[in-house]
PDB file of N, CA and C in Angstrom:
ATOM      1  N   UNK A   1     280.406 -14.883 272.098  1.00  0.00           N
ATOM      2  CA  UNK A   1     281.787 -14.493 272.328  1.00  0.00           C
ATOM      3  C   UNK A   1     282.371 -15.361 273.438  1.00  0.00           C
ATOM      4  N   UNK A   2     283.611 -15.683 273.294  1.00  0.00           N
ATOM      5  CA  UNK A   2     284.320 -16.477 274.290  1.00  0.00           C
ATOM      6  C   UNK A   2     284.788 -15.540 275.399  1.00  0.00           C
ATOM      7  N   UNK A   3     284.530 -15.922 276.640  1.00  0.00           N
ATOM      8  CA  UNK A   3     284.869 -15.092 277.795  1.00  0.00           C
ATOM      9  C   UNK A   3     285.805 -15.840 278.732  1.00  0.00           C
ATOM     10  N   UNK A   4     286.281 -15.143 279.758  1.00  0.00           N
ATOM     11  CA  UNK A   4     287.136 -15.775 280.758  1.00  0.00           C
ATOM     12  C   UNK A   4     286.430 -16.967 281.387  1.00  0.00           C
ATOM     13  N   UNK A   5     287.195 -17.993 281.710  1.00  0.00           N
ATOM     14  CA  UNK A   5     286.737 -19.242 282.335  1.00  0.00           C
ATOM     15  C   UNK A   5     286.021 -20.175 281.365  1.00  0.00           C
ATOM     16  N   UNK A   6     285.862 -19.774 280.109  1.00  0.00           N
ATOM     17  CA  UNK A   6     285.237 -20.659 279.130  1.00  0.00           C
ATOM     18  C   UNK A   6     286.226 -21.738 278.696  1.00  0.00           C
ATOM     19  N   UNK A   7     285.679 -22.902 278.415  1.00  0.00           N
ATOM     20  CA  UNK A   7     286.473 -23.973 277.830  1.00  0.00           C
ATOM     21  C   UNK A   7     286.379 -23.867 276.323  1.00  0.00           C
ATOM     22  N   UNK A   8     287.501 -24.081 275.641  1.00  0.00           N
ATOM     23  CA  UNK A   8     287.518 -24.001 274.184  1.00  0.00           C
ATOM     24  C   UNK A   8     288.226 -25.219 273.609  1.00  0.00           C
ATOM     25  N   UNK A   9     287.842 -25.544 272.397  1.00  0.00           N
ATOM     26  CA  UNK A   9     288.555 -26.523 271.605  1.00  0.00           C
ATOM     27  C   UNK A   9     289.304 -25.721 270.555  1.00  0.00           C
ATOM     28  N   UNK A  10     290.623 -25.883 270.504  1.00  0.00           N
ATOM     29  CA  UNK A  10     291.438 -25.166 269.532  1.00  0.00           C
ATOM     30  C   UNK A  10     291.630 -26.077 268.326  1.00  0.00           C
ATOM     31  N   UNK A  11     291.136 -25.610 267.192  1.00  0.00           N
ATOM     32  CA  UNK A  11     291.301 -26.358 265.946  1.00  0.00           C
ATOM     33  C   UNK A  11     292.614 -25.931 265.302  1.00  0.00           C
ATOM     34  N   UNK A  12     293.453 -26.901 264.944  1.00  0.00           N
ATOM     35  CA  UNK A  12     294.735 -26.651 264.292  1.00  0.00           C
ATOM     36  C   UNK A  12     294.678 -27.338 262.933  1.00  0.00           C
ATOM     37  N   UNK A  13     294.961 -26.609 261.867  1.00  0.00           N
ATOM     38  CA  UNK A  13     294.859 -27.140 260.497  1.00  0.00           C
ATOM     39  C   UNK A  13     293.474 -27.728 260.230  1.00  0.00           C
ATOM     40  N   UNK A  14     292.436 -27.056 260.714  1.00  0.00           N
ATOM     41  CA  UNK A  14     291.037 -27.463 260.507  1.00  0.00           C
ATOM     42  C   UNK A  14     290.703 -28.819 261.115  1.00  0.00           C
ATOM     43  N   UNK A  15     291.460 -29.229 262.134  1.00  0.00           N
ATOM     44  CA  UNK A  15     291.184 -30.468 262.868  1.00  0.00           C
ATOM     45  C   UNK A  15     291.256 -30.146 264.362  1.00  0.00           C
ATOM     46  N   UNK A  16     290.487 -30.866 265.186  1.00  0.00           N
ATOM     47  CA  UNK A  16     290.595 -30.637 266.630  1.00  0.00           C
ATOM     48  C   UNK A  16     292.038 -30.838 267.101  1.00  0.00           C
ATOM     49  N   UNK A  17     292.554 -29.849 267.822  1.00  0.00           N
ATOM     50  CA  UNK A  17     293.944 -29.910 268.264  1.00  0.00           C
ATOM     51  C   UNK A  17     294.096 -30.164 269.745  1.00  0.00           C
ATOM     52  N   UNK A  18     293.546 -29.252 270.571  1.00  0.00           N
ATOM     53  CA  UNK A  18     293.666 -29.397 272.016  1.00  0.00           C
ATOM     54  C   UNK A  18     292.593 -28.562 272.711  1.00  0.00           C
ATOM     55  N   UNK A  19     292.379 -28.904 273.981  1.00  0.00           N
ATOM     56  CA  UNK A  19     291.431 -28.170 274.818  1.00  0.00           C
ATOM     57  C   UNK A  19     292.194 -27.155 275.657  1.00  0.00           C
ATOM     58  N   UNK A  20     291.519 -26.058 275.974  1.00  0.00           N
ATOM     59  CA  UNK A  20     292.125 -25.036 276.822  1.00  0.00           C
ATOM     60  C   UNK A  20     291.014 -24.296 277.560  1.00  0.00           C
ATOM     61  N   UNK A  21     291.423 -23.645 278.641  1.00  0.00           N
ATOM     62  CA  UNK A  21     290.501 -22.774 279.379  1.00  0.00           C
ATOM     63  C   UNK A  21     291.062 -21.367 279.317  1.00  0.00           C
ATOM     64  N   UNK A  22     290.202 -20.384 279.024  1.00  0.00           N
ATOM     65  CA  UNK A  22     290.653 -18.999 279.005  1.00  0.00           C
ATOM     66  C   UNK A  22     290.790 -18.510 280.437  1.00  0.00           C
ATOM     67  N   UNK A  23     292.001 -18.234 280.810  1.00  0.00           N
ATOM     68  CA  UNK A  23     292.277 -17.796 282.176  1.00  0.00           C
ATOM     69  C   UNK A  23     292.071 -16.295 282.349  1.00  0.00           C
ATOM     70  N   UNK A  24     292.489 -15.542 281.334  1.00  0.00           N
ATOM     71  CA  UNK A  24     292.459 -14.089 281.485  1.00  0.00           C
ATOM     72  C   UNK A  24     292.407 -13.439 280.107  1.00  0.00           C
ATOM     73  N   UNK A  25     291.622 -12.401 280.004  1.00  0.00           N
ATOM     74  CA  UNK A  25     291.558 -11.602 278.781  1.00  0.00           C
ATOM     75  C   UNK A  25     291.803 -10.153 279.189  1.00  0.00           C
ATOM     76  N   UNK A  26     292.904  -9.586 278.695  1.00  0.00           N
ATOM     77  CA  UNK A  26     293.251  -8.203 279.028  1.00  0.00           C
ATOM     78  C   UNK A  26     293.472  -7.420 277.734  1.00  0.00           C
ATOM     79  N   UNK A  27     293.197  -6.117 277.759  1.00  0.00           N
ATOM     80  CA  UNK A  27     293.398  -5.315 276.545  1.00  0.00           C
ATOM     81  C   UNK A  27     294.870  -5.271 276.149  1.00  0.00           C
ATOM     82  N   UNK A  28     295.130  -5.317 274.871  1.00  0.00           N
ATOM     83  CA  UNK A  28     296.478  -5.177 274.343  1.00  0.00           C
ATOM     84  C   UNK A  28     296.737  -3.690 274.087  1.00  0.00           C
ATOM     85  N   UNK A  29     297.986  -3.343 273.833  1.00  0.00           N
ATOM     86  CA  UNK A  29     298.299  -1.940 273.549  1.00  0.00           C
ATOM     87  C   UNK A  29     297.669  -1.487 272.233  1.00  0.00           C
ATOM     88  N   UNK A  30     297.450  -2.423 271.316  1.00  0.00           N
ATOM     89  CA  UNK A  30     296.813  -2.099 270.041  1.00  0.00           C
ATOM     90  C   UNK A  30     295.296  -2.126 270.236  1.00  0.00           C
ATOM     91  N   UNK A  31     294.585  -1.034 269.917  1.00  0.00           N
ATOM     92  CA  UNK A  31     293.130  -1.003 270.112  1.00  0.00           C
ATOM     93  C   UNK A  31     292.418  -2.122 269.346  1.00  0.00           C
ATOM     94  N   UNK A  32     291.426  -2.732 269.996  1.00  0.00           N
ATOM     95  CA  UNK A  32     290.643  -3.791 269.378  1.00  0.00           C
ATOM     96  C   UNK A  32     291.273  -5.165 269.490  1.00  0.00           C
ATOM     97  N   UNK A  33     292.424  -5.252 270.124  1.00  0.00           N
ATOM     98  CA  UNK A  33     293.118  -6.522 270.294  1.00  0.00           C
ATOM     99  C   UNK A  33     293.211  -6.855 271.775  1.00  0.00           C
ATOM    100  N   UNK A  34     293.295  -8.156 272.069  1.00  0.00           N
ATOM    101  CA  UNK A  34     293.279  -8.634 273.447  1.00  0.00           C
ATOM    102  C   UNK A  34     294.410  -9.629 273.682  1.00  0.00           C
ATOM    103  N   UNK A  35     295.008  -9.574 274.866  1.00  0.00           N
ATOM    104  CA  UNK A  35     295.961 -10.599 275.282  1.00  0.00           C
ATOM    105  C   UNK A  35     295.154 -11.678 275.996  1.00  0.00           C
ATOM    106  N   UNK A  36     295.172 -12.867 275.432  1.00  0.00           N
ATOM    107  CA  UNK A  36     294.347 -13.969 275.923  1.00  0.00           C
ATOM    108  C   UNK A  36     295.271 -15.027 276.505  1.00  0.00           C
ATOM    109  N   UNK A  37     295.121 -15.270 277.806  1.00  0.00           N
ATOM    110  CA  UNK A  37     295.931 -16.287 278.470  1.00  0.00           C
ATOM    111  C   UNK A  37     295.143 -17.587 278.493  1.00  0.00           C
ATOM    112  N   UNK A  38     295.701 -18.628 277.870  1.00  0.00           N
ATOM    113  CA  UNK A  38     295.061 -19.936 277.764  1.00  0.00           C
ATOM    114  C   UNK A  38     295.787 -20.948 278.638  1.00  0.00           C
ATOM    115  N   UNK A  39     295.035 -21.681 279.443  1.00  0.00           N
ATOM    116  CA  UNK A  39     295.586 -22.820 280.168  1.00  0.00           C
ATOM    117  C   UNK A  39     295.327 -24.025 279.279  1.00  0.00           C
ATOM    118  N   UNK A  40     296.386 -24.543 278.669  1.00  0.00           N
ATOM    119  CA  UNK A  40     296.260 -25.652 277.732  1.00  0.00           C
ATOM    120  C   UNK A  40     296.192 -26.943 278.528  1.00  0.00           C
ATOM    121  N   UNK A  41     295.113 -27.695 278.305  1.00  0.00           N
ATOM    122  CA  UNK A  41     294.846 -28.902 279.092  1.00  0.00           C
ATOM    123  C   UNK A  41     295.555 -30.104 278.479  1.00  0.00           C
ATOM    124  N   UNK A  42     296.864 -30.085 278.601  1.00  0.00           N
ATOM    125  CA  UNK A  42     297.704 -31.187 278.149  1.00  0.00           C
ATOM    126  C   UNK A  42     298.513 -31.656 279.349  1.00  0.00           C
ATOM    127  N   UNK A  43     299.296 -32.688 279.141  1.00  0.00           N
ATOM    128  CA  UNK A  43     300.175 -33.144 280.215  1.00  0.00           C
ATOM    129  C   UNK A  43     301.599 -32.937 279.765  1.00  0.00           C
ATOM    130  N   UNK A  44     302.375 -32.108 280.419  1.00  0.00           N
ATOM    131  CA  UNK A  44     302.026 -31.244 281.546  1.00  0.00           C
ATOM    132  C   UNK A  44     301.211 -30.034 281.083  1.00  0.00           C
ATOM    133  N   UNK A  45     300.530 -29.403 282.042  1.00  0.00           N
ATOM    134  CA  UNK A  45     299.757 -28.199 281.732  1.00  0.00           C
ATOM    135  C   UNK A  45     300.692 -27.111 281.202  1.00  0.00           C
ATOM    136  N   UNK A  46     300.192 -26.348 280.251  1.00  0.00           N
ATOM    137  CA  UNK A  46     300.977 -25.243 279.694  1.00  0.00           C
ATOM    138  C   UNK A  46     300.109 -23.996 279.664  1.00  0.00           C
ATOM    139  N   UNK A  47     300.741 -22.856 279.697  1.00  0.00           N
ATOM    140  CA  UNK A  47     300.027 -21.584 279.598  1.00  0.00           C
ATOM    141  C   UNK A  47     300.549 -20.850 278.369  1.00  0.00           C
ATOM    142  N   UNK A  48     299.634 -20.499 277.456  1.00  0.00           N
ATOM    143  CA  UNK A  48     299.964 -19.724 276.262  1.00  0.00           C
ATOM    144  C   UNK A  48     299.331 -18.359 276.419  1.00  0.00           C
ATOM    145  N   UNK A  49     299.961 -17.341 275.891  1.00  0.00           N
ATOM    146  CA  UNK A  49     299.344 -16.029 275.780  1.00  0.00           C
ATOM    147  C   UNK A  49     299.336 -15.662 274.309  1.00  0.00           C
ATOM    148  N   UNK A  50     298.130 -15.520 273.772  1.00  0.00           N
ATOM    149  CA  UNK A  50     297.959 -15.155 272.373  1.00  0.00           C
ATOM    150  C   UNK A  50     297.342 -13.767 272.310  1.00  0.00           C
ATOM    151  N   UNK A  51     297.661 -13.031 271.273  1.00  0.00           N
ATOM    152  CA  UNK A  51     297.048 -11.728 271.038  1.00  0.00           C
ATOM    153  C   UNK A  51     296.026 -11.915 269.926  1.00  0.00           C
ATOM    154  N   UNK A  52     294.748 -11.732 270.286  1.00  0.00           N
ATOM    155  CA  UNK A  52     293.643 -11.985 269.363  1.00  0.00           C
ATOM    156  C   UNK A  52     292.749 -10.750 269.277  1.00  0.00           C
ATOM    157  N   UNK A  53     292.013 -10.649 268.173  1.00  0.00           N
ATOM    158  CA  UNK A  53     291.049  -9.549 268.052  1.00  0.00           C
ATOM    159  C   UNK A  53     289.643 -10.058 268.380  1.00  0.00           C
ATOM    160  N   UNK A  54     288.671  -9.151 268.315  1.00  0.00           N
ATOM    161  CA  UNK A  54     287.286  -9.487 268.682  1.00  0.00           C
ATOM    162  C   UNK A  54     286.726 -10.637 267.837  1.00  0.00           C
ATOM    163  N   UNK A  55     286.965 -10.596 266.532  1.00  0.00           N
ATOM    164  CA  UNK A  55     286.420 -11.628 265.648  1.00  0.00           C
ATOM    165  C   UNK A  55     286.978 -13.002 265.989  1.00  0.00           C
ATOM    166  N   UNK A  56     288.247 -13.050 266.325  1.00  0.00           N
ATOM    167  CA  UNK A  56     288.870 -14.329 266.667  1.00  0.00           C
ATOM    168  C   UNK A  56     288.305 -14.878 267.971  1.00  0.00           C
ATOM    169  N   UNK A  57     287.890 -13.998 268.881  1.00  0.00           N
ATOM    170  CA  UNK A  57     287.224 -14.433 270.111  1.00  0.00           C
ATOM    171  C   UNK A  57     285.772 -14.818 269.851  1.00  0.00           C
ATOM    172  N   UNK A  58     285.270 -14.458 268.662  1.00  0.00           N
ATOM    173  CA  UNK A  58     283.927 -14.865 268.243  1.00  0.00           C
ATOM    174  C   UNK A  58     283.990 -16.084 267.334  1.00  0.00           C
ATOM    175  N   UNK A  59     285.065 -16.853 267.442  1.00  0.00           N
ATOM    176  CA  UNK A  59     285.255 -18.130 266.746  1.00  0.00           C
ATOM    177  C   UNK A  59     285.594 -17.994 265.265  1.00  0.00           C
ATOM    178  N   UNK A  60     286.075 -16.822 264.828  1.00  0.00           N
ATOM    179  CA  UNK A  60     286.503 -16.661 263.436  1.00  0.00           C
ATOM    180  C   UNK A  60     287.872 -17.322 263.255  1.00  0.00           C
ATOM    181  N   UNK A  61     288.101 -17.948 262.105  1.00  0.00           N
ATOM    182  CA  UNK A  61     289.399 -18.578 261.864  1.00  0.00           C
ATOM    183  C   UNK A  61     290.497 -17.529 261.675  1.00  0.00           C
ATOM    184  N   UNK A  62     291.718 -17.904 262.020  1.00  0.00           N
ATOM    185  CA  UNK A  62     292.875 -17.030 261.850  1.00  0.00           C
ATOM    186  C   UNK A  62     294.096 -17.913 261.636  1.00  0.00           C
ATOM    187  N   UNK A  63     295.215 -17.293 261.316  1.00  0.00           N
ATOM    188  CA  UNK A  63     296.457 -18.059 261.158  1.00  0.00           C
ATOM    189  C   UNK A  63     297.501 -17.524 262.114  1.00  0.00           C
ATOM    190  N   UNK A  64     298.386 -18.411 262.512  1.00  0.00           N
ATOM    191  CA  UNK A  64     299.502 -18.047 263.377  1.00  0.00           C
ATOM    192  C   UNK A  64     300.727 -18.765 262.814  1.00  0.00           C
ATOM    193  N   UNK A  65     301.666 -17.996 262.286  1.00  0.00           N
ATOM    194  CA  UNK A  65     302.835 -18.605 261.662  1.00  0.00           C
ATOM    195  C   UNK A  65     302.463 -19.433 260.448  1.00  0.00           C
ATOM    196  N   UNK A  66     301.382 -19.066 259.759  1.00  0.00           N
ATOM    197  CA  UNK A  66     300.938 -19.789 258.578  1.00  0.00           C
ATOM    198  C   UNK A  66     300.055 -20.990 258.877  1.00  0.00           C
ATOM    199  N   UNK A  67     299.844 -21.306 260.157  1.00  0.00           N
ATOM    200  CA  UNK A  67     299.008 -22.446 260.544  1.00  0.00           C
ATOM    201  C   UNK A  67     297.585 -21.971 260.825  1.00  0.00           C
ATOM    202  N   UNK A  68     296.583 -22.537 260.144  1.00  0.00           N
ATOM    203  CA  UNK A  68     295.198 -22.149 260.413  1.00  0.00           C
ATOM    204  C   UNK A  68     294.766 -22.590 261.818  1.00  0.00           C
ATOM    205  N   UNK A  69     294.146 -21.667 262.548  1.00  0.00           N
ATOM    206  CA  UNK A  69     293.651 -21.929 263.903  1.00  0.00           C
ATOM    207  C   UNK A  69     292.236 -21.393 264.030  1.00  0.00           C
ATOM    208  N   UNK A  70     291.510 -21.948 264.984  1.00  0.00           N
ATOM    209  CA  UNK A  70     290.170 -21.441 265.305  1.00  0.00           C
ATOM    210  C   UNK A  70     289.818 -21.891 266.708  1.00  0.00           C
ATOM    211  N   UNK A  71     289.231 -20.976 267.497  1.00  0.00           N
ATOM    212  CA  UNK A  71     288.748 -21.316 268.831  1.00  0.00           C
ATOM    213  C   UNK A  71     287.268 -21.646 268.736  1.00  0.00           C
ATOM    214  N   UNK A  72     286.854 -22.725 269.383  1.00  0.00           N
ATOM    215  CA  UNK A  72     285.435 -23.111 269.436  1.00  0.00           C
ATOM    216  C   UNK A  72     285.031 -23.228 270.894  1.00  0.00           C
ATOM    217  N   UNK A  73     284.059 -22.413 271.295  1.00  0.00           N
ATOM    218  CA  UNK A  73     283.582 -22.457 272.676  1.00  0.00           C
ATOM    219  C   UNK A  73     282.859 -23.774 272.924  1.00  0.00           C
ATOM    220  N   UNK A  74     283.167 -24.415 274.044  1.00  0.00           N
ATOM    221  CA  UNK A  74     282.519 -25.669 274.407  1.00  0.00           C
ATOM    222  C   UNK A  74     281.434 -25.395 275.429  1.00  0.00           C
ATOM    223  N   UNK A  75     280.309 -26.064 275.256  1.00  0.00           N
ATOM    224  CA  UNK A  75     279.205 -25.950 276.204  1.00  0.00           C
ATOM    225  C   UNK A  75     278.941 -27.334 276.763  1.00  0.00           C
ATOM    226  N   UNK A  76     278.896 -27.419 278.074  1.00  0.00           N
ATOM    227  CA  UNK A  76     278.652 -28.690 278.748  1.00  0.00           C
ATOM    228  C   UNK A  76     277.288 -29.238 278.338  1.00  0.00           C
ATOM    229  N   UNK A  77     277.180 -30.553 278.129  1.00  0.00           N
ATOM    230  CA  UNK A  77     275.872 -31.136 277.827  1.00  0.00           C
ATOM    231  C   UNK A  77     274.844 -30.838 278.927  1.00  0.00           C
ATOM    232  N   UNK A  78     275.300 -30.740 280.161  1.00  0.00           N
ATOM    233  CA  UNK A  78     274.392 -30.407 281.265  1.00  0.00           C
ATOM    234  C   UNK A  78     273.861 -28.986 281.111  1.00  0.00           C
ATOM    235  N   UNK A  79     274.723 -28.068 280.682  1.00  0.00           N
ATOM    236  CA  UNK A  79     274.315 -26.679 280.473  1.00  0.00           C
ATOM    237  C   UNK A  79     273.327 -26.584 279.310  1.00  0.00           C
ATOM    238  N   UNK A  80     273.573 -27.336 278.230  1.00  0.00           N
ATOM    239  CA  UNK A  80     272.645 -27.344 277.098  1.00  0.00           C
ATOM    240  C   UNK A  80     271.267 -27.830 277.526  1.00  0.00           C
ATOM    241  N   UNK A  81     271.243 -28.892 278.327  1.00  0.00           N
ATOM    242  CA  UNK A  81     269.965 -29.439 278.799  1.00  0.00           C
ATOM    243  C   UNK A  81     269.231 -28.422 279.664  1.00  0.00           C
ATOM    244  N   UNK A  82     269.972 -27.719 280.536  1.00  0.00           N
ATOM    245  CA  UNK A  82     269.371 -26.708 281.400  1.00  0.00           C
ATOM    246  C   UNK A  82     268.782 -25.572 280.560  1.00  0.00           C
ATOM    247  N   UNK A  83     269.504 -25.150 279.521  1.00  0.00           N
ATOM    248  CA  UNK A  83     269.015 -24.076 278.654  1.00  0.00           C
ATOM    249  C   UNK A  83     267.747 -24.489 277.917  1.00  0.00           C
ATOM    250  N   UNK A  84     267.701 -25.738 277.447  1.00  0.00           N
ATOM    251  CA  UNK A  84     266.510 -26.226 276.752  1.00  0.00           C
ATOM    252  C   UNK A  84     265.305 -26.242 277.686  1.00  0.00           C
ATOM    253  N   UNK A  85     265.515 -26.706 278.928  1.00  0.00           N
ATOM    254  CA  UNK A  85     264.420 -26.732 279.894  1.00  0.00           C
ATOM    255  C   UNK A  85     263.928 -25.326 280.206  1.00  0.00           C
ATOM    256  N   UNK A  86     264.864 -24.384 280.372  1.00  0.00           N
ATOM    257  CA  UNK A  86     264.476 -22.996 280.640  1.00  0.00           C
ATOM    258  C   UNK A  86     263.671 -22.427 279.472  1.00  0.00           C
ATOM    259  N   UNK A  87     264.074 -22.743 278.246  1.00  0.00           N
ATOM    260  CA  UNK A  87     263.353 -22.253 277.072  1.00  0.00           C
ATOM    261  C   UNK A  87     261.945 -22.843 277.016  1.00  0.00           C
ATOM    262  N   UNK A  88     261.811 -24.120 277.365  1.00  0.00           N
ATOM    263  CA  UNK A  88     260.492 -24.759 277.372  1.00  0.00           C
ATOM    264  C   UNK A  88     259.589 -24.129 278.424  1.00  0.00           C
ATOM    265  N   UNK A  89     260.148 -23.875 279.612  1.00  0.00           N
ATOM    266  CA  UNK A  89     259.364 -23.256 280.686  1.00  0.00           C
ATOM    267  C   UNK A  89     258.940 -21.846 280.271  1.00  0.00           C
ATOM    268  N   UNK A  90     259.858 -21.104 279.669  1.00  0.00           N
ATOM    269  CA  UNK A  90     259.547 -19.745 279.230  1.00  0.00           C
ATOM    270  C   UNK A  90     258.460 -19.767 278.149  1.00  0.00           C
ATOM    271  N   UNK A  91     258.562 -20.712 277.211  1.00  0.00           N
ATOM    272  CA  UNK A  91     257.554 -20.816 276.153  1.00  0.00           C
ATOM    273  C   UNK A  91     256.199 -21.197 276.732  1.00  0.00           C
ATOM    274  N   UNK A  92     256.182 -22.072 277.721  1.00  0.00           N
ATOM    275  CA  UNK A  92     254.926 -22.489 278.343  1.00  0.00           C
ATOM    276  C   UNK A  92     254.273 -21.323 279.090  1.00  0.00           C
ATOM    277  N   UNK A  93     255.083 -20.488 279.728  1.00  0.00           N
ATOM    278  CA  UNK A  93     254.551 -19.347 280.466  1.00  0.00           C
ATOM    279  C   UNK A  93     254.027 -18.262 279.521  1.00  0.00           C
ATOM    280  N   UNK A  94     254.671 -18.097 278.368  1.00  0.00           N
ATOM    281  CA  UNK A  94     254.283 -17.018 277.462  1.00  0.00           C
ATOM    282  C   UNK A  94     253.077 -17.375 276.592  1.00  0.00           C
ATOM    283  N   UNK A  95     252.846 -18.671 276.376  1.00  0.00           N
ATOM    284  CA  UNK A  95     251.689 -19.044 275.553  1.00  0.00           C
ATOM    285  C   UNK A  95     250.438 -19.109 276.432  1.00  0.00           C
ATOM    286  N   UNK A  96     249.304 -18.624 275.906  1.00  0.00           N
ATOM    287  CA  UNK A  96     248.070 -18.643 276.702  1.00  0.00           C
ATOM    288  C   UNK A  96     247.569 -20.081 276.868  1.00  0.00           C
ATOM    289  N   UNK A  97     246.845 -20.347 277.936  1.00  0.00           N
ATOM    290  CA  UNK A  97     246.294 -21.685 278.123  1.00  0.00           C
ATOM    291  C   UNK A  97     245.358 -22.049 276.971  1.00  0.00           C
ATOM    292  N   UNK A  98     245.166 -23.330 276.760  1.00  0.00           N
ATOM    293  CA  UNK A  98     244.355 -23.809 275.640  1.00  0.00           C
ATOM    294  C   UNK A  98     242.914 -23.304 275.724  1.00  0.00           C
ATOM    295  N   UNK A  99     242.392 -23.115 276.945  1.00  0.00           N
ATOM    296  CA  UNK A  99     240.996 -22.689 277.095  1.00  0.00           C
ATOM    297  C   UNK A  99     240.856 -21.177 277.270  1.00  0.00           C
ATOM    298  N   UNK A 100     241.915 -20.429 277.030  1.00  0.00           N
ATOM    299  CA  UNK A 100     241.865 -18.982 277.209  1.00  0.00           C
ATOM    300  C   UNK A 100     240.885 -18.363 276.218  1.00  0.00           C
ATOM    301  N   UNK A 101     240.087 -17.450 276.688  1.00  0.00           N
ATOM    302  CA  UNK A 101     239.139 -16.753 275.836  1.00  0.00           C
ATOM    303  C   UNK A 101     237.817 -17.468 275.656  1.00  0.00           C
ATOM    304  N   UNK A 102     237.674 -18.650 276.189  1.00  0.00           N
ATOM    305  CA  UNK A 102     236.416 -19.374 276.073  1.00  0.00           C
ATOM    306  C   UNK A 102     235.525 -19.015 277.264  1.00  0.00           C
ATOM    307  N   UNK A 103     234.253 -18.912 276.991  1.00  0.00           N
ATOM    308  CA  UNK A 103     233.300 -18.533 278.033  1.00  0.00           C
ATOM    309  C   UNK A 103     232.860 -19.783 278.787  1.00  0.00           C
ATOM    310  N   UNK A 104     232.842 -19.665 280.101  1.00  0.00           N
ATOM    311  CA  UNK A 104     232.366 -20.768 280.939  1.00  0.00           C
ATOM    312  C   UNK A 104     230.891 -20.507 281.240  1.00  0.00           C
ATOM    313  N   UNK A 105     230.068 -21.458 280.909  1.00  0.00           N
ATOM    314  CA  UNK A 105     228.630 -21.325 281.119  1.00  0.00           C
ATOM    315  C   UNK A 105     228.255 -22.194 282.309  1.00  0.00           C
ATOM    316  N   UNK A 106     227.602 -21.569 283.295  1.00  0.00           N
ATOM    317  CA  UNK A 106     227.182 -22.301 284.485  1.00  0.00           C
ATOM    318  C   UNK A 106     225.854 -22.989 284.199  1.00  0.00           C
ATOM    319  N   UNK A 107     225.804 -24.281 284.382  1.00  0.00           N
ATOM    320  CA  UNK A 107     224.547 -25.028 284.189  1.00  0.00           C
ATOM    321  C   UNK A 107     223.511 -24.657 285.247  1.00  0.00           C
ATOM    322  N   UNK A 108     223.997 -24.325 286.448  1.00  0.00           N
ATOM    323  CA  UNK A 108     223.071 -23.932 287.521  1.00  0.00           C
ATOM    324  C   UNK A 108     222.364 -22.638 287.142  1.00  0.00           C
ATOM    325  N   UNK A 109     223.063 -21.696 286.541  1.00  0.00           N
ATOM    326  CA  UNK A 109     222.453 -20.436 286.113  1.00  0.00           C
ATOM    327  C   UNK A 109     221.448 -20.668 284.992  1.00  0.00           C
ATOM    328  N   UNK A 110     221.693 -21.603 284.120  1.00  0.00           N
ATOM    329  CA  UNK A 110     220.789 -21.877 283.000  1.00  0.00           C
ATOM    330  C   UNK A 110     219.479 -22.475 283.495  1.00  0.00           C
ATOM    331  N   UNK A 111     219.526 -23.266 284.552  1.00  0.00           N
ATOM    332  CA  UNK A 111     218.305 -23.913 285.082  1.00  0.00           C
ATOM    333  C   UNK A 111     217.386 -22.888 285.733  1.00  0.00           C
ATOM    334  N   UNK A 112     217.917 -21.834 286.296  1.00  0.00           N
ATOM    335  CA  UNK A 112     217.112 -20.824 286.993  1.00  0.00           C
ATOM    336  C   UNK A 112     216.250 -20.029 286.015  1.00  0.00           C
ATOM    337  N   UNK A 113     216.617 -19.976 284.778  1.00  0.00           N
ATOM    338  CA  UNK A 113     215.884 -19.148 283.808  1.00  0.00           C
ATOM    339  C   UNK A 113     214.663 -19.783 283.336  1.00  0.00           C
TER     340      UNK A 113
END
């Protein structure tokens, strides 16, 4: 789900249109709908307020005035790399060591017998 402070790419007519940052998400008077304030990263900067439902904030396509639109959450390449590293570390910690369950035999103990 897209949340406040997230960067999004707004697709217009199924093509990349513009970038925006979600500044604020507040409940609308209609249940299940949200007033979404977007800071549109154009020159000059513009602020749009759209009324969207939960599915549209989950990147589902919708139309506005007959124009197809869709929000796509952007993830920084640095954030993706950090997530991959965290997943690798977590997987390494959860998997048992290669020698787990193997018995260690002391050669010194064997000589005493």
